[in-house]
Amino acid sequence: MFVKKGFSALCILVLIVIFFVMTKKLIIRFDIFLNGVEYYLTIAFGAFIVLFYLKKYRLSVCFYMVMLCIFLTFREKVEKSYSFDLYLGKWLKVIFTNQTVFINIIGNLILFTPITIVMLLGNNNYVKTFLYVFLLIVFLEVIQFVTKTGVFDIIDIFLNTIGILLGFLFYSIPFQFKKISKN
């Protein structure tokens, strides 16, 4: 029992350290975030992971939302805080040759996947989860627009919505394996 808990604690610690290192590299790469944001993000992520491990899904979701708010608003101000350009086709042509485009597309795809999975674990209702997470996406985009700490971007909303669908897929995979093993 002690060994299992110790191993779990070690895994959580390793995840938190990996998150911090990746976040630090991302923040340096994009140079748009306020000083010290990597520490706030890591604290929120650590709380999210620990609460998830303890199966406190609702609290876990709260800390993920805090993490999203920090990530999307603790930034330098922008001059133009909206974009209705449909540039995704152009970006998809250069996704594997332009690191910034790759990070932006993949980041937007996976940003809302974890919260979707955790919310499904807590309520198992796809329609409610989709609506809540989609409204959260739009809310955060509006906050970025109003505070001018990011860009209200229609492509981000599209990619984030695909991230919700990825969350549904990843949530459903273990259940599909259970069905196959029963047959």
N, C-alpha and C. Protein backbone atom coordinates (compact mmCIF):
# COMPACT_ATOMS: atom_id res chain seq x y z
N MET A 1 0.83 -1.19 0.00
CA MET A 1 0.00 0.00 0.00
C MET A 1 0.87 1.26 0.00
N PHE A 2 1.87 1.27 0.89
CA PHE A 2 2.77 2.42 0.98
C PHE A 2 3.56 2.59 -0.31
N VAL A 3 4.02 1.47 -0.89
CA VAL A 3 4.79 1.52 -2.13
C VAL A 3 3.93 2.07 -3.27
N LYS A 4 2.66 1.64 -3.34
CA LYS A 4 1.76 2.11 -4.38
C LYS A 4 1.52 3.61 -4.26
N LYS A 5 1.29 4.10 -3.04
CA LYS A 5 1.07 5.53 -2.84
C LYS A 5 2.35 6.32 -3.13
N GLY A 6 3.48 5.77 -2.73
CA GLY A 6 4.75 6.43 -3.01
C GLY A 6 5.02 6.53 -4.49
N PHE A 7 4.73 5.45 -5.22
CA PHE A 7 4.91 5.45 -6.67
C PHE A 7 3.97 6.46 -7.32
N SER A 8 2.72 6.51 -6.86
CA SER A 8 1.75 7.48 -7.39
C SER A 8 2.21 8.91 -7.14
N ALA A 9 2.70 9.17 -5.93
CA ALA A 9 3.20 10.50 -5.59
C ALA A 9 4.39 10.87 -6.48
N LEU A 10 5.27 9.91 -6.72
CA LEU A 10 6.42 10.15 -7.59
C LEU A 10 5.98 10.46 -9.02
N CYS A 11 5.01 9.71 -9.52
CA CYS A 11 4.49 9.96 -10.87
C CYS A 11 3.87 11.35 -10.97
N ILE A 12 3.12 11.73 -9.96
CA ILE A 12 2.50 13.07 -9.94
C ILE A 12 3.58 14.14 -9.94
N LEU A 13 4.59 13.96 -9.12
CA LEU A 13 5.70 14.91 -9.06
C LEU A 13 6.41 15.02 -10.41
N VAL A 14 6.66 13.89 -11.05
CA VAL A 14 7.32 13.90 -12.36
C VAL A 14 6.45 14.63 -13.38
N LEU A 15 5.13 14.39 -13.37
CA LEU A 15 4.22 15.10 -14.27
C LEU A 15 4.29 16.61 -14.05
N ILE A 16 4.31 17.01 -12.80
CA ILE A 16 4.35 18.44 -12.48
C ILE A 16 5.66 19.06 -12.96
N VAL A 17 6.77 18.36 -12.76
CA VAL A 17 8.07 18.87 -13.22
C VAL A 17 8.11 18.96 -14.75
N ILE A 18 7.61 17.93 -15.43
CA ILE A 18 7.56 17.96 -16.89
C ILE A 18 6.69 19.12 -17.36
N PHE A 19 5.55 19.31 -16.71
CA PHE A 19 4.67 20.43 -17.06
C PHE A 19 5.41 21.75 -16.90
N PHE A 20 6.12 21.93 -15.79
CA PHE A 20 6.85 23.18 -15.54
C PHE A 20 7.89 23.42 -16.64
N VAL A 21 8.67 22.40 -16.97
CA VAL A 21 9.72 22.55 -17.98
C VAL A 21 9.12 22.89 -19.34
N MET A 22 8.06 22.18 -19.72
CA MET A 22 7.42 22.46 -21.01
C MET A 22 6.80 23.85 -21.04
N THR A 23 6.18 24.23 -19.93
CA THR A 23 5.57 25.55 -19.84
C THR A 23 6.63 26.64 -19.94
N LYS A 24 7.73 26.45 -19.24
CA LYS A 24 8.83 27.42 -19.28
C LYS A 24 9.34 27.59 -20.71
N LYS A 25 9.52 26.47 -21.43
CA LYS A 25 9.99 26.55 -22.82
C LYS A 25 8.97 27.26 -23.71
N LEU A 26 7.71 26.98 -23.50
CA LEU A 26 6.64 27.62 -24.28
C LEU A 26 6.62 29.12 -24.02
N ILE A 27 6.75 29.51 -22.77
CA ILE A 27 6.72 30.92 -22.39
C ILE A 27 7.92 31.66 -22.99
N ILE A 28 9.08 31.03 -22.95
CA ILE A 28 10.27 31.64 -23.56
C ILE A 28 10.10 31.74 -25.07
N ARG A 29 9.55 30.70 -25.68
CA ARG A 29 9.37 30.64 -27.14
C ARG A 29 8.47 31.75 -27.65
N PHE A 30 7.37 32.01 -26.94
CA PHE A 30 6.40 32.97 -27.45
C PHE A 30 6.57 34.37 -26.89
N ASP A 31 7.21 34.53 -25.77
CA ASP A 31 7.53 35.85 -25.22
C ASP A 31 6.33 36.81 -25.19
N ILE A 32 5.15 36.28 -24.80
CA ILE A 32 3.96 37.13 -24.68
C ILE A 32 3.38 37.10 -23.27
N PHE A 33 3.95 36.25 -22.42
CA PHE A 33 3.39 36.04 -21.09
C PHE A 33 4.05 36.96 -20.06
N LEU A 34 3.32 37.26 -19.01
CA LEU A 34 3.85 38.07 -17.93
C LEU A 34 4.89 37.27 -17.14
N ASN A 35 5.79 37.96 -16.46
CA ASN A 35 6.82 37.30 -15.67
C ASN A 35 6.22 36.44 -14.57
N GLY A 36 6.75 35.26 -14.40
CA GLY A 36 6.34 34.37 -13.32
C GLY A 36 5.11 33.53 -13.60
N VAL A 37 4.54 33.65 -14.78
CA VAL A 37 3.31 32.93 -15.09
C VAL A 37 3.51 31.42 -15.03
N GLU A 38 4.72 30.95 -15.31
CA GLU A 38 4.97 29.50 -15.28
C GLU A 38 4.77 28.92 -13.88
N TYR A 39 5.04 29.72 -12.85
CA TYR A 39 4.85 29.24 -11.48
C TYR A 39 3.37 29.13 -11.13
N TYR A 40 2.59 30.13 -11.53
CA TYR A 40 1.14 30.08 -11.28
C TYR A 40 0.50 28.91 -12.03
N LEU A 41 0.92 28.74 -13.29
CA LEU A 41 0.38 27.63 -14.08
C LEU A 41 0.74 26.28 -13.46
N THR A 42 1.96 26.16 -12.99
CA THR A 42 2.40 24.89 -12.41
C THR A 42 1.66 24.60 -11.10
N ILE A 43 1.42 25.61 -10.29
CA ILE A 43 0.66 25.40 -9.06
C ILE A 43 -0.76 24.96 -9.39
N ALA A 44 -1.41 25.62 -10.34
CA ALA A 44 -2.77 25.24 -10.73
C ALA A 44 -2.78 23.83 -11.33
N PHE A 45 -1.79 23.52 -12.16
CA PHE A 45 -1.70 22.18 -12.75
C PHE A 45 -1.49 21.12 -11.67
N GLY A 46 -0.60 21.42 -10.72
CA GLY A 46 -0.35 20.47 -9.62
C GLY A 46 -1.62 20.18 -8.85
N ALA A 47 -2.38 21.22 -8.54
CA ALA A 47 -3.65 21.04 -7.83
C ALA A 47 -4.62 20.22 -8.68
N PHE A 48 -4.66 20.51 -9.97
CA PHE A 48 -5.52 19.76 -10.89
C PHE A 48 -5.18 18.27 -10.87
N ILE A 49 -3.90 17.95 -11.00
CA ILE A 49 -3.46 16.55 -11.06
C ILE A 49 -3.73 15.83 -9.74
N VAL A 50 -3.40 16.45 -8.62
CA VAL A 50 -3.61 15.82 -7.31
C VAL A 50 -5.11 15.58 -7.09
N LEU A 51 -5.93 16.57 -7.37
CA LEU A 51 -7.37 16.41 -7.18
C LEU A 51 -7.95 15.36 -8.13
N PHE A 52 -7.42 15.30 -9.33
CA PHE A 52 -7.85 14.27 -10.27
C PHE A 52 -7.50 12.89 -9.73
N TYR A 53 -6.30 12.74 -9.24
CA TYR A 53 -5.86 11.47 -8.66
C TYR A 53 -6.75 11.07 -7.48
N LEU A 54 -7.17 12.04 -6.70
CA LEU A 54 -8.03 11.77 -5.54
C LEU A 54 -9.51 11.63 -5.94
N LYS A 55 -9.78 11.69 -7.25
CA LYS A 55 -11.13 11.56 -7.81
C LYS A 55 -12.07 12.66 -7.32
N LYS A 56 -11.52 13.83 -7.09
CA LYS A 56 -12.30 15.02 -6.75
C LYS A 56 -12.47 15.80 -8.05
N TYR A 57 -13.31 15.27 -8.93
CA TYR A 57 -13.39 15.77 -10.30
C TYR A 57 -13.87 17.21 -10.40
N ARG A 58 -14.85 17.57 -9.60
CA ARG A 58 -15.37 18.95 -9.68
C ARG A 58 -14.31 19.96 -9.27
N LEU A 59 -13.60 19.69 -8.19
CA LEU A 59 -12.51 20.59 -7.78
C LEU A 59 -11.39 20.58 -8.81
N SER A 60 -11.13 19.42 -9.37
CA SER A 60 -10.11 19.29 -10.39
C SER A 60 -10.45 20.18 -11.59
N VAL A 61 -11.72 20.15 -12.01
CA VAL A 61 -12.17 21.00 -13.12
C VAL A 61 -11.97 22.48 -12.77
N CYS A 62 -12.25 22.85 -11.53
CA CYS A 62 -12.06 24.26 -11.12
C CYS A 62 -10.62 24.69 -11.29
N PHE A 63 -9.67 23.85 -10.90
CA PHE A 63 -8.27 24.22 -11.03
C PHE A 63 -7.81 24.21 -12.48
N TYR A 64 -8.41 23.36 -13.30
CA TYR A 64 -8.08 23.40 -14.73
C TYR A 64 -8.58 24.72 -15.33
N MET A 65 -9.76 25.14 -14.90
CA MET A 65 -10.30 26.43 -15.39
C MET A 65 -9.42 27.58 -14.92
N VAL A 66 -8.92 27.52 -13.70
CA VAL A 66 -7.99 28.54 -13.21
C VAL A 66 -6.74 28.55 -14.09
N MET A 67 -6.24 27.36 -14.39
CA MET A 67 -5.06 27.24 -15.24
C MET A 67 -5.32 27.86 -16.62
N LEU A 68 -6.49 27.57 -17.20
CA LEU A 68 -6.84 28.15 -18.50
C LEU A 68 -6.90 29.67 -18.43
N CYS A 69 -7.52 30.19 -17.38
CA CYS A 69 -7.62 31.65 -17.22
C CYS A 69 -6.24 32.28 -17.12
N ILE A 70 -5.36 31.66 -16.36
CA ILE A 70 -3.99 32.18 -16.23
C ILE A 70 -3.30 32.14 -17.58
N PHE A 71 -3.37 31.00 -18.25
CA PHE A 71 -2.69 30.82 -19.53
C PHE A 71 -3.18 31.80 -20.59
N LEU A 72 -4.48 32.08 -20.58
CA LEU A 72 -5.05 32.91 -21.63
C LEU A 72 -5.12 34.40 -21.31
N THR A 73 -4.85 34.78 -20.05
CA THR A 73 -4.97 36.21 -19.73
C THR A 73 -3.72 36.82 -19.09
N PHE A 74 -2.81 36.04 -18.57
CA PHE A 74 -1.59 36.61 -17.98
C PHE A 74 -0.57 36.85 -19.08
N ARG A 75 -0.92 37.78 -19.95
CA ARG A 75 -0.12 38.06 -21.14
C ARG A 75 0.03 39.57 -21.33
N GLU A 76 0.94 39.90 -22.20
CA GLU A 76 1.09 41.30 -22.60
C GLU A 76 -0.15 41.72 -23.38
N LYS A 77 -0.48 42.99 -23.34
CA LYS A 77 -1.63 43.51 -24.08
C LYS A 77 -1.35 43.45 -25.59
N VAL A 78 -2.43 43.26 -26.36
CA VAL A 78 -2.34 43.25 -27.82
C VAL A 78 -3.11 44.44 -28.35
N GLU A 79 -2.76 44.90 -29.55
CA GLU A 79 -3.46 46.04 -30.13
C GLU A 79 -4.79 45.60 -30.76
N LYS A 80 -4.75 44.55 -31.54
CA LYS A 80 -5.97 44.05 -32.20
C LYS A 80 -6.38 42.77 -31.47
N SER A 81 -7.52 42.80 -30.79
CA SER A 81 -7.89 41.67 -29.94
C SER A 81 -9.03 40.82 -30.54
N TYR A 82 -9.12 40.82 -31.86
CA TYR A 82 -10.11 39.95 -32.50
C TYR A 82 -9.60 39.56 -33.88
N SER A 83 -10.06 38.39 -34.34
CA SER A 83 -9.72 37.93 -35.69
C SER A 83 -10.82 37.03 -36.20
N PHE A 84 -11.36 37.41 -37.34
CA PHE A 84 -12.36 36.58 -38.00
C PHE A 84 -11.80 36.03 -39.30
N ASP A 85 -10.46 36.10 -39.44
CA ASP A 85 -9.80 35.56 -40.63
C ASP A 85 -9.89 34.04 -40.62
N LEU A 86 -10.07 33.47 -41.80
CA LEU A 86 -10.13 32.02 -41.93
C LEU A 86 -8.80 31.53 -42.52
N TYR A 87 -7.76 31.58 -41.71
CA TYR A 87 -6.40 31.29 -42.13
C TYR A 87 -6.00 29.83 -41.93
N LEU A 88 -6.86 29.00 -41.41
CA LEU A 88 -6.49 27.63 -41.05
C LEU A 88 -5.96 26.85 -42.24
N GLY A 89 -6.55 27.02 -43.41
CA GLY A 89 -6.07 26.31 -44.60
C GLY A 89 -4.62 26.64 -44.90
N LYS A 90 -4.26 27.91 -44.79
CA LYS A 90 -2.87 28.33 -45.02
C LYS A 90 -1.95 27.71 -43.97
N TRP A 91 -2.42 27.71 -42.72
CA TRP A 91 -1.60 27.16 -41.64
C TRP A 91 -1.40 25.66 -41.79
N LEU A 92 -2.43 24.95 -42.24
CA LEU A 92 -2.30 23.50 -42.38
C LEU A 92 -1.25 23.13 -43.42
N LYS A 93 -1.03 24.02 -44.40
CA LYS A 93 -0.01 23.77 -45.43
C LYS A 93 1.40 23.84 -44.86
N VAL A 94 1.58 24.61 -43.76
CA VAL A 94 2.93 24.80 -43.20
C VAL A 94 3.07 24.22 -41.79
N ILE A 95 2.09 23.44 -41.35
CA ILE A 95 2.07 22.96 -39.97
C ILE A 95 3.35 22.20 -39.59
N PHE A 96 3.93 21.45 -40.52
CA PHE A 96 5.11 20.65 -40.18
C PHE A 96 6.42 21.35 -40.50
N THR A 97 6.36 22.56 -41.05
CA THR A 97 7.58 23.31 -41.34
C THR A 97 7.69 24.58 -40.50
N ASN A 98 6.63 24.96 -39.83
CA ASN A 98 6.63 26.18 -39.02
C ASN A 98 6.28 25.79 -37.58
N GLN A 99 7.25 25.87 -36.69
CA GLN A 99 7.07 25.44 -35.31
C GLN A 99 5.99 26.25 -34.58
N THR A 100 5.90 27.53 -34.83
CA THR A 100 4.90 28.38 -34.19
C THR A 100 3.48 27.94 -34.60
N VAL A 101 3.30 27.69 -35.87
CA VAL A 101 1.99 27.24 -36.37
C VAL A 101 1.66 25.87 -35.76
N PHE A 102 2.63 24.97 -35.74
CA PHE A 102 2.42 23.63 -35.18
C PHE A 102 1.98 23.72 -33.71
N ILE A 103 2.71 24.50 -32.92
CA ILE A 103 2.38 24.64 -31.49
C ILE A 103 1.00 25.27 -31.32
N ASN A 104 0.69 26.27 -32.13
CA ASN A 104 -0.60 26.94 -32.02
C ASN A 104 -1.76 25.99 -32.34
N ILE A 105 -1.65 25.25 -33.44
CA ILE A 105 -2.73 24.34 -33.83
C ILE A 105 -2.87 23.20 -32.83
N ILE A 106 -1.78 22.53 -32.51
CA ILE A 106 -1.84 21.39 -31.58
C ILE A 106 -2.27 21.88 -30.19
N GLY A 107 -1.75 23.01 -29.76
CA GLY A 107 -2.13 23.56 -28.46
C GLY A 107 -3.61 23.84 -28.37
N ASN A 108 -4.17 24.45 -29.41
CA ASN A 108 -5.60 24.74 -29.41
C ASN A 108 -6.43 23.46 -29.49
N LEU A 109 -5.93 22.45 -30.16
CA LEU A 109 -6.65 21.17 -30.24
C LEU A 109 -6.71 20.48 -28.88
N ILE A 110 -5.61 20.53 -28.12
CA ILE A 110 -5.57 19.75 -26.88
C ILE A 110 -5.91 20.57 -25.62
N LEU A 111 -6.04 21.87 -25.75
CA LEU A 111 -6.24 22.73 -24.58
C LEU A 111 -7.49 22.36 -23.78
N PHE A 112 -8.56 22.00 -24.45
CA PHE A 112 -9.82 21.70 -23.75
C PHE A 112 -10.14 20.21 -23.70
N THR A 113 -9.22 19.37 -24.16
CA THR A 113 -9.43 17.92 -24.11
C THR A 113 -9.44 17.40 -22.68
N PRO A 114 -8.46 17.76 -21.84
CA PRO A 114 -8.47 17.23 -20.46
C PRO A 114 -9.71 17.63 -19.66
N ILE A 115 -10.14 18.87 -19.77
CA ILE A 115 -11.31 19.30 -18.99
C ILE A 115 -12.57 18.57 -19.46
N THR A 116 -12.63 18.26 -20.74
CA THR A 116 -13.76 17.50 -21.26
C THR A 116 -13.78 16.10 -20.65
N ILE A 117 -12.63 15.45 -20.61
CA ILE A 117 -12.55 14.10 -20.04
C ILE A 117 -12.92 14.11 -18.56
N VAL A 118 -12.37 15.05 -17.81
CA VAL A 118 -12.64 15.11 -16.37
C VAL A 118 -14.12 15.41 -16.11
N MET A 119 -14.70 16.29 -16.90
CA MET A 119 -16.13 16.58 -16.71
C MET A 119 -16.98 15.36 -17.02
N LEU A 120 -16.60 14.60 -18.03
CA LEU A 120 -17.34 13.37 -18.33
C LEU A 120 -17.19 12.35 -17.21
N LEU A 121 -16.04 12.29 -16.60
CA LEU A 121 -15.85 11.39 -15.46
C LEU A 121 -16.77 11.77 -14.31
N GLY A 122 -17.03 13.07 -14.18
CA GLY A 122 -17.87 13.54 -13.10
C GLY A 122 -19.36 13.43 -13.36
N ASN A 123 -19.77 13.50 -14.66
CA ASN A 123 -21.22 13.47 -14.90
C ASN A 123 -21.65 12.53 -16.02
N ASN A 124 -20.74 12.08 -16.87
CA ASN A 124 -21.02 11.12 -17.94
C ASN A 124 -22.12 11.60 -18.89
N ASN A 125 -22.31 12.90 -19.03
CA ASN A 125 -23.34 13.44 -19.91
C ASN A 125 -22.64 14.23 -21.03
N TYR A 126 -22.66 13.67 -22.23
CA TYR A 126 -21.95 14.28 -23.35
C TYR A 126 -22.52 15.64 -23.75
N VAL A 127 -23.83 15.76 -23.79
CA VAL A 127 -24.46 17.01 -24.23
C VAL A 127 -24.15 18.14 -23.24
N LYS A 128 -24.35 17.87 -21.94
CA LYS A 128 -24.04 18.90 -20.93
C LYS A 128 -22.57 19.28 -20.97
N THR A 129 -21.72 18.28 -21.06
CA THR A 129 -20.28 18.54 -21.09
C THR A 129 -19.92 19.39 -22.30
N PHE A 130 -20.45 19.03 -23.46
CA PHE A 130 -20.16 19.81 -24.67
C PHE A 130 -20.59 21.26 -24.48
N LEU A 131 -21.80 21.45 -24.00
CA LEU A 131 -22.31 22.82 -23.82
C LEU A 131 -21.47 23.61 -22.82
N TYR A 132 -21.16 23.01 -21.67
CA TYR A 132 -20.37 23.71 -20.65
C TYR A 132 -18.98 24.08 -21.18
N VAL A 133 -18.31 23.13 -21.81
CA VAL A 133 -16.95 23.40 -22.28
C VAL A 133 -16.98 24.39 -23.45
N PHE A 134 -17.95 24.25 -24.34
CA PHE A 134 -18.05 25.20 -25.45
C PHE A 134 -18.31 26.61 -24.93
N LEU A 135 -19.21 26.74 -23.96
CA LEU A 135 -19.47 28.06 -23.37
C LEU A 135 -18.22 28.61 -22.66
N LEU A 136 -17.46 27.72 -22.02
CA LEU A 136 -16.20 28.14 -21.40
C LEU A 136 -15.23 28.67 -22.46
N ILE A 137 -15.14 27.98 -23.58
CA ILE A 137 -14.26 28.42 -24.68
C ILE A 137 -14.65 29.83 -25.13
N VAL A 138 -15.92 30.02 -25.41
CA VAL A 138 -16.40 31.33 -25.88
C VAL A 138 -16.17 32.39 -24.80
N PHE A 139 -16.46 32.05 -23.54
CA PHE A 139 -16.24 32.98 -22.43
C PHE A 139 -14.77 33.41 -22.37
N LEU A 140 -13.86 32.46 -22.46
CA LEU A 140 -12.43 32.80 -22.38
C LEU A 140 -11.99 33.63 -23.59
N GLU A 141 -12.54 33.35 -24.75
CA GLU A 141 -12.22 34.16 -25.93
C GLU A 141 -12.73 35.59 -25.75
N VAL A 142 -13.92 35.75 -25.19
CA VAL A 142 -14.48 37.08 -24.92
C VAL A 142 -13.62 37.81 -23.89
N ILE A 143 -13.19 37.10 -22.85
CA ILE A 143 -12.32 37.71 -21.83
C ILE A 143 -11.02 38.21 -22.47
N GLN A 144 -10.44 37.41 -23.36
CA GLN A 144 -9.22 37.85 -24.06
C GLN A 144 -9.50 39.11 -24.88
N PHE A 145 -10.65 39.15 -25.54
CA PHE A 145 -11.02 40.32 -26.34
C PHE A 145 -11.18 41.56 -25.47
N VAL A 146 -11.92 41.43 -24.38
CA VAL A 146 -12.22 42.57 -23.51
C VAL A 146 -10.95 43.08 -22.82
N THR A 147 -10.14 42.16 -22.31
CA THR A 147 -8.94 42.57 -21.58
C THR A 147 -7.75 42.87 -22.49
N LYS A 148 -7.91 42.55 -23.78
CA LYS A 148 -6.83 42.72 -24.77
C LYS A 148 -5.56 41.96 -24.37
N THR A 149 -5.76 40.80 -23.73
CA THR A 149 -4.63 39.94 -23.36
C THR A 149 -4.49 38.77 -24.31
N GLY A 150 -5.25 38.78 -25.35
CA GLY A 150 -5.23 37.73 -26.36
C GLY A 150 -6.15 38.15 -27.48
N VAL A 151 -6.44 37.22 -28.35
CA VAL A 151 -7.24 37.53 -29.53
C VAL A 151 -8.48 36.65 -29.54
N PHE A 152 -9.65 37.29 -29.66
CA PHE A 152 -10.89 36.55 -29.90
C PHE A 152 -10.77 36.04 -31.33
N ASP A 153 -10.53 34.75 -31.46
CA ASP A 153 -10.19 34.18 -32.76
C ASP A 153 -11.15 33.05 -33.10
N ILE A 154 -11.83 33.17 -34.20
CA ILE A 154 -12.81 32.18 -34.63
C ILE A 154 -12.14 30.82 -34.90
N ILE A 155 -10.92 30.84 -35.38
CA ILE A 155 -10.18 29.59 -35.63
C ILE A 155 -9.85 28.90 -34.31
N ASP A 156 -9.48 29.68 -33.29
CA ASP A 156 -9.24 29.09 -31.97
C ASP A 156 -10.49 28.38 -31.45
N ILE A 157 -11.64 29.02 -31.62
CA ILE A 157 -12.90 28.41 -31.16
C ILE A 157 -13.14 27.11 -31.92
N PHE A 158 -12.90 27.12 -33.21
CA PHE A 158 -13.07 25.91 -34.03
C PHE A 158 -12.14 24.79 -33.55
N LEU A 159 -10.85 25.11 -33.39
CA LEU A 159 -9.88 24.10 -32.95
C LEU A 159 -10.18 23.61 -31.53
N ASN A 160 -10.56 24.52 -30.64
CA ASN A 160 -10.91 24.13 -29.28
C ASN A 160 -12.12 23.20 -29.27
N THR A 161 -13.07 23.45 -30.16
CA THR A 161 -14.26 22.61 -30.25
C THR A 161 -13.88 21.20 -30.73
N ILE A 162 -12.96 21.12 -31.66
CA ILE A 162 -12.45 19.80 -32.07
C ILE A 162 -11.79 19.12 -30.86
N GLY A 163 -11.14 19.93 -30.00
CA GLY A 163 -10.54 19.39 -28.77
C GLY A 163 -11.58 18.77 -27.85
N ILE A 164 -12.77 19.35 -27.80
CA ILE A 164 -13.86 18.75 -27.02
C ILE A 164 -14.19 17.37 -27.59
N LEU A 165 -14.28 17.29 -28.91
CA LEU A 165 -14.60 16.02 -29.57
C LEU A 165 -13.49 14.99 -29.33
N LEU A 166 -12.23 15.45 -29.31
CA LEU A 166 -11.12 14.55 -28.96
C LEU A 166 -11.28 14.04 -27.53
N GLY A 167 -11.72 14.92 -26.63
CA GLY A 167 -11.98 14.50 -25.26
C GLY A 167 -13.03 13.42 -25.19
N PHE A 168 -14.09 13.57 -25.98
CA PHE A 168 -15.13 12.53 -26.06
C PHE A 168 -14.53 11.21 -26.53
N LEU A 169 -13.70 11.29 -27.56
CA LEU A 169 -13.07 10.09 -28.12
C LEU A 169 -12.18 9.41 -27.09
N PHE A 170 -11.29 10.18 -26.45
CA PHE A 170 -10.37 9.60 -25.47
C PHE A 170 -11.11 9.06 -24.25
N TYR A 171 -12.19 9.70 -23.87
CA TYR A 171 -13.01 9.21 -22.77
C TYR A 171 -13.68 7.88 -23.12
N SER A 172 -14.08 7.74 -24.37
CA SER A 172 -14.82 6.56 -24.81
C SER A 172 -13.93 5.35 -25.08
N ILE A 173 -12.67 5.54 -25.39
CA ILE A 173 -11.78 4.43 -25.75
C ILE A 173 -11.73 3.33 -24.69
N PRO A 174 -11.52 3.65 -23.41
CA PRO A 174 -11.49 2.55 -22.42
C PRO A 174 -12.79 1.74 -22.38
N PHE A 175 -13.91 2.41 -22.60
CA PHE A 175 -15.20 1.70 -22.58
C PHE A 175 -15.33 0.78 -23.79
N GLN A 176 -14.75 1.16 -24.91
CA GLN A 176 -14.78 0.30 -26.09
C GLN A 176 -13.94 -0.95 -25.85
N PHE A 177 -12.79 -0.81 -25.17
CA PHE A 177 -11.96 -1.97 -24.86
C PHE A 177 -12.69 -2.91 -23.90
N LYS A 178 -13.45 -2.36 -22.96
CA LYS A 178 -14.22 -3.19 -22.02
C LYS A 178 -15.27 -4.00 -22.78
N LYS A 179 -15.93 -3.36 -23.75
CA LYS A 179 -16.95 -4.06 -24.54
C LYS A 179 -16.32 -5.20 -25.35
N ILE A 180 -15.15 -4.94 -25.94
CA ILE A 180 -14.45 -5.94 -26.75
C ILE A 180 -14.03 -7.12 -25.86
N SER A 181 -13.51 -6.84 -24.67
CA SER A 181 -13.02 -7.91 -23.79
C SER A 181 -14.15 -8.76 -23.23
N LYS A 182 -15.36 -8.21 -23.12
CA LYS A 182 -16.50 -8.98 -22.65
C LYS A 182 -16.99 -9.97 -23.69
N ASN A 183 -16.76 -9.67 -24.97
CA ASN A 183 -17.23 -10.56 -26.05
C ASN A 183 -16.33 -11.72 -26.26
